[in-house]
């Protein structure tokens, strides 16, 4: 038997070895063990080819997240402006409908939620106005004096 292997050239031995490894890889992939060399190799090649694209996608994700944060802050500031404006109108005895009150109460809820989730955001600027809006709303509910 050793004489048989002695006559095999190195190139043939390399070919047989490669075929044996390929067969073994197929068997391992089919087996219930979660070792999947073909998928691992394909994933590594794919990541090597697409590394620049993956970096750009990750950068885009970060940019979109920053834009969302900026939009959320803009919305909170807009809600604060609406709340303060509505409060000023109440101080000047401008009457409002129940629907308008409901809308501003929703803005107050959203604004307070944003302030709770973002402690570094300048908040508590609407506390007195919110209290006045709520007391006026309750009075209008009792007296049925909405527009």
C-alpha atoms as a PDB file:
ATOM      1  CA  UNK A   1       0.000   0.000   0.000  1.00  0.00           C
ATOM      2  CA  UNK A   2       2.868   2.379   0.756  1.00  0.00           C
ATOM      3  CA  UNK A   3       4.206   1.637  -2.709  1.00  0.00           C
ATOM      4  CA  UNK A   4       0.923   2.919  -4.160  1.00  0.00           C
ATOM      5  CA  UNK A   5       1.306   6.245  -2.409  1.00  0.00           C
ATOM      6  CA  UNK A   6       4.961   6.487  -3.376  1.00  0.00           C
ATOM      7  CA  UNK A   7       4.037   6.735  -7.076  1.00  0.00           C
ATOM      8  CA  UNK A   8       1.484   9.525  -6.541  1.00  0.00           C
ATOM      9  CA  UNK A   9       2.799  12.896  -7.502  1.00  0.00           C
ATOM     10  CA  UNK A  10       2.474  15.895  -5.241  1.00  0.00           C
ATOM     11  CA  UNK A  11      -0.047  17.575  -7.560  1.00  0.00           C
ATOM     12  CA  UNK A  12      -2.272  14.483  -7.498  1.00  0.00           C
ATOM     13  CA  UNK A  13      -1.994  14.332  -3.719  1.00  0.00           C
ATOM     14  CA  UNK A  14      -3.026  17.992  -3.484  1.00  0.00           C
ATOM     15  CA  UNK A  15      -5.996  17.296  -5.755  1.00  0.00           C
ATOM     16  CA  UNK A  16      -7.104  14.311  -3.677  1.00  0.00           C
ATOM     17  CA  UNK A  17      -6.703  16.335  -0.490  1.00  0.00           C
ATOM     18  CA  UNK A  18      -8.796  19.192  -1.895  1.00  0.00           C
ATOM     19  CA  UNK A  19     -11.506  16.757  -3.003  1.00  0.00           C
ATOM     20  CA  UNK A  20     -11.513  15.115   0.422  1.00  0.00           C
ATOM     21  CA  UNK A  21     -11.791  18.497   2.172  1.00  0.00           C
ATOM     22  CA  UNK A  22     -14.637  19.576  -0.138  1.00  0.00           C
ATOM     23  CA  UNK A  23     -16.487  16.335   0.555  1.00  0.00           C
ATOM     24  CA  UNK A  24     -15.923  16.751   4.281  1.00  0.00           C
ATOM     25  CA  UNK A  25     -17.171  20.348   4.133  1.00  0.00           C
ATOM     26  CA  UNK A  26     -20.374  19.215   2.403  1.00  0.00           C
ATOM     27  CA  UNK A  27     -20.911  16.523   5.001  1.00  0.00           C
ATOM     28  CA  UNK A  28     -20.344  18.961   7.856  1.00  0.00           C
ATOM     29  CA  UNK A  29     -22.785  21.435   6.278  1.00  0.00           C
ATOM     30  CA  UNK A  30     -25.501  18.804   5.973  1.00  0.00           C
ATOM     31  CA  UNK A  31     -24.997  17.512   9.487  1.00  0.00           C
ATOM     32  CA  UNK A  32     -27.258  18.834  12.270  1.00  0.00           C
ATOM     33  CA  UNK A  33     -24.319  20.557  13.947  1.00  0.00           C
ATOM     34  CA  UNK A  34     -24.474  24.286  13.303  1.00  0.00           C
ATOM     35  CA  UNK A  35     -21.097  24.383  11.569  1.00  0.00           C
ATOM     36  CA  UNK A  36     -21.549  25.750   8.076  1.00  0.00           C
ATOM     37  CA  UNK A  37     -18.189  26.445   6.435  1.00  0.00           C
ATOM     38  CA  UNK A  38     -19.642  27.445   3.046  1.00  0.00           C
ATOM     39  CA  UNK A  39     -21.879  30.065   4.564  1.00  0.00           C
ATOM     40  CA  UNK A  40     -19.035  31.327   6.745  1.00  0.00           C
ATOM     41  CA  UNK A  41     -16.726  31.613   3.713  1.00  0.00           C
ATOM     42  CA  UNK A  42     -19.440  33.307   1.641  1.00  0.00           C
ATOM     43  CA  UNK A  43     -20.183  35.734   4.476  1.00  0.00           C
ATOM     44  CA  UNK A  44     -16.495  36.641   4.833  1.00  0.00           C
ATOM     45  CA  UNK A  45     -16.134  37.178   1.086  1.00  0.00           C
ATOM     46  CA  UNK A  46     -19.354  39.222   0.989  1.00  0.00           C
ATOM     47  CA  UNK A  47     -18.229  41.434   3.838  1.00  0.00           C
ATOM     48  CA  UNK A  48     -14.834  41.940   2.223  1.00  0.00           C
ATOM     49  CA  UNK A  49     -16.437  42.942  -1.069  1.00  0.00           C
ATOM     50  CA  UNK A  50     -19.132  45.129   0.505  1.00  0.00           C
ATOM     51  CA  UNK A  51     -17.148  46.654   3.364  1.00  0.00           C
ATOM     52  CA  UNK A  52     -17.361  50.183   1.949  1.00  0.00           C
ATOM     53  CA  UNK A  53     -21.095  49.836   1.354  1.00  0.00           C
ATOM     54  CA  UNK A  54     -21.609  48.514   4.890  1.00  0.00           C
ATOM     55  CA  UNK A  55     -19.681  51.478   6.315  1.00  0.00           C
ATOM     56  CA  UNK A  56     -21.834  53.890   4.300  1.00  0.00           C
ATOM     57  CA  UNK A  57     -25.023  52.145   5.434  1.00  0.00           C
ATOM     58  CA  UNK A  58     -23.909  52.407   9.062  1.00  0.00           C
ATOM     59  CA  UNK A  59     -23.101  56.098   8.551  1.00  0.00           C
ATOM     60  CA  UNK A  60     -26.537  56.633   6.989  1.00  0.00           C
ATOM     61  CA  UNK A  61     -28.172  54.945   9.987  1.00  0.00           C
ATOM     62  CA  UNK A  62     -26.343  57.325  12.317  1.00  0.00           C
ATOM     63  CA  UNK A  63     -27.322  60.327  10.186  1.00  0.00           C
ATOM     64  CA  UNK A  64     -30.983  59.271  10.115  1.00  0.00           C
ATOM     65  CA  UNK A  65     -30.962  58.820  13.892  1.00  0.00           C
ATOM     66  CA  UNK A  66     -29.521  62.330  14.336  1.00  0.00           C
ATOM     67  CA  UNK A  67     -32.179  63.708  11.991  1.00  0.00           C
ATOM     68  CA  UNK A  68     -34.917  61.950  13.974  1.00  0.00           C
ATOM     69  CA  UNK A  69     -33.573  63.406  17.204  1.00  0.00           C
ATOM     70  CA  UNK A  70     -33.477  66.891  15.677  1.00  0.00           C
ATOM     71  CA  UNK A  71     -37.031  66.477  14.335  1.00  0.00           C
ATOM     72  CA  UNK A  72     -38.268  65.307  17.735  1.00  0.00           C
ATOM     73  CA  UNK A  73     -36.692  68.350  19.380  1.00  0.00           C
ATOM     74  CA  UNK A  74     -38.241  70.667  16.767  1.00  0.00           C
ATOM     75  CA  UNK A  75     -41.635  69.072  17.411  1.00  0.00           C
ATOM     76  CA  UNK A  76     -41.221  69.552  21.162  1.00  0.00           C
ATOM     77  CA  UNK A  77     -40.314  73.213  20.679  1.00  0.00           C
ATOM     78  CA  UNK A  78     -43.307  73.685  18.368  1.00  0.00           C
ATOM     79  CA  UNK A  79     -45.576  72.079  20.971  1.00  0.00           C
ATOM     80  CA  UNK A  80     -44.144  74.395  23.626  1.00  0.00           C
ATOM     81  CA  UNK A  81     -44.874  77.402  21.416  1.00  0.00           C
ATOM     82  CA  UNK A  82     -48.459  76.217  20.830  1.00  0.00           C
ATOM     83  CA  UNK A  83     -48.966  75.675  24.558  1.00  0.00           C
ATOM     84  CA  UNK A  84     -47.621  79.111  25.488  1.00  0.00           C
ATOM     85  CA  UNK A  85     -49.616  80.794  22.715  1.00  0.00           C
ATOM     86  CA  UNK A  86     -52.808  79.043  23.794  1.00  0.00           C
ATOM     87  CA  UNK A  87     -52.151  80.098  27.384  1.00  0.00           C
ATOM     88  CA  UNK A  88     -51.660  83.712  26.276  1.00  0.00           C
ATOM     89  CA  UNK A  89     -54.961  83.597  24.420  1.00  0.00           C
ATOM     90  CA  UNK A  90     -56.686  82.371  27.575  1.00  0.00           C
ATOM     91  CA  UNK A  91     -55.126  85.230  29.565  1.00  0.00           C
ATOM     92  CA  UNK A  92     -56.550  87.648  26.982  1.00  0.00           C
ATOM     93  CA  UNK A  93     -59.939  85.984  27.451  1.00  0.00           C
ATOM     94  CA  UNK A  94     -60.067  84.435  23.988  1.00  0.00           C
ATOM     95  CA  UNK A  95     -62.576  81.580  24.083  1.00  0.00           C
ATOM     96  CA  UNK A  96     -61.871  78.197  22.513  1.00  0.00           C
ATOM     97  CA  UNK A  97     -63.801  75.121  21.462  1.00  0.00           C
ATOM     98  CA  UNK A  98     -63.545  71.832  23.312  1.00  0.00           C
ATOM     99  CA  UNK A  99     -61.747  70.358  20.289  1.00  0.00           C
ATOM    100  CA  UNK A 100     -59.135  73.103  20.492  1.00  0.00           C
ATOM    101  CA  UNK A 101     -58.649  72.366  24.186  1.00  0.00           C
ATOM    102  CA  UNK A 102     -58.359  68.641  23.432  1.00  0.00           C
ATOM    103  CA  UNK A 103     -55.714  69.378  20.813  1.00  0.00           C
ATOM    104  CA  UNK A 104     -53.658  71.505  23.177  1.00  0.00           C
ATOM    105  CA  UNK A 105     -53.995  68.909  25.951  1.00  0.00           C
ATOM    106  CA  UNK A 106     -52.523  66.353  23.530  1.00  0.00           C
ATOM    107  CA  UNK A 107     -49.666  68.769  22.786  1.00  0.00           C
ATOM    108  CA  UNK A 108     -49.076  69.152  26.540  1.00  0.00           C
ATOM    109  CA  UNK A 109     -48.930  65.372  26.958  1.00  0.00           C
ATOM    110  CA  UNK A 110     -46.458  64.963  24.083  1.00  0.00           C
ATOM    111  CA  UNK A 111     -44.327  67.869  25.293  1.00  0.00           C
ATOM    112  CA  UNK A 112     -44.157  66.509  28.845  1.00  0.00           C
ATOM    113  CA  UNK A 113     -43.301  63.046  27.551  1.00  0.00           C
ATOM    114  CA  UNK A 114     -40.453  64.470  25.449  1.00  0.00           C
ATOM    115  CA  UNK A 115     -39.176  66.443  28.449  1.00  0.00           C
ATOM    116  CA  UNK A 116     -39.246  63.325  30.633  1.00  0.00           C
ATOM    117  CA  UNK A 117     -37.308  61.328  28.028  1.00  0.00           C
ATOM    118  CA  UNK A 118     -34.750  64.121  27.431  1.00  0.00           C
ATOM    119  CA  UNK A 119     -33.576  65.529  30.777  1.00  0.00           C
ATOM    120  CA  UNK A 120     -31.072  67.887  29.086  1.00  0.00           C
ATOM    121  CA  UNK A 121     -33.866  69.615  27.151  1.00  0.00           C
ATOM    122  CA  UNK A 122     -34.895  72.989  28.586  1.00  0.00           C
ATOM    123  CA  UNK A 123     -38.272  72.205  30.040  1.00  0.00           C
ATOM    124  CA  UNK A 124     -40.588  73.368  32.804  1.00  0.00           C
ATOM    125  CA  UNK A 125     -41.138  76.489  30.732  1.00  0.00           C
ATOM    126  CA  UNK A 126     -44.804  75.621  30.391  1.00  0.00           C
ATOM    127  CA  UNK A 127     -45.621  74.504  33.940  1.00  0.00           C
ATOM    128  CA  UNK A 128     -47.583  77.616  34.948  1.00  0.00           C
ATOM    129  CA  UNK A 129     -49.263  77.884  31.555  1.00  0.00           C
ATOM    130  CA  UNK A 130     -50.213  74.207  31.637  1.00  0.00           C
ATOM    131  CA  UNK A 131     -51.746  74.616  35.085  1.00  0.00           C
ATOM    132  CA  UNK A 132     -53.763  77.616  33.850  1.00  0.00           C
ATOM    133  CA  UNK A 133     -54.923  75.718  30.743  1.00  0.00           C
ATOM    134  CA  UNK A 134     -56.023  72.741  32.843  1.00  0.00           C
ATOM    135  CA  UNK A 135     -57.911  74.881  35.344  1.00  0.00           C
ATOM    136  CA  UNK A 136     -59.629  76.794  32.529  1.00  0.00           C
ATOM    137  CA  UNK A 137     -60.515  73.510  30.830  1.00  0.00           C
ATOM    138  CA  UNK A 138     -62.056  72.144  34.033  1.00  0.00           C
ATOM    139  CA  UNK A 139     -64.015  75.371  34.544  1.00  0.00           C
ATOM    140  CA  UNK A 140     -65.285  75.250  30.950  1.00  0.00           C
ATOM    141  CA  UNK A 141     -66.288  71.614  31.444  1.00  0.00           C
ATOM    142  CA  UNK A 142     -68.239  72.439  34.601  1.00  0.00           C
ATOM    143  CA  UNK A 143     -69.903  75.556  33.193  1.00  0.00           C
ATOM    144  CA  UNK A 144     -70.222  74.208  29.627  1.00  0.00           C
ATOM    145  CA  UNK A 145     -68.768  77.426  28.274  1.00  0.00           C
ATOM    146  CA  UNK A 146     -66.710  76.110  25.365  1.00  0.00           C
ATOM    147  CA  UNK A 147     -67.141  77.888  22.060  1.00  0.00           C
END
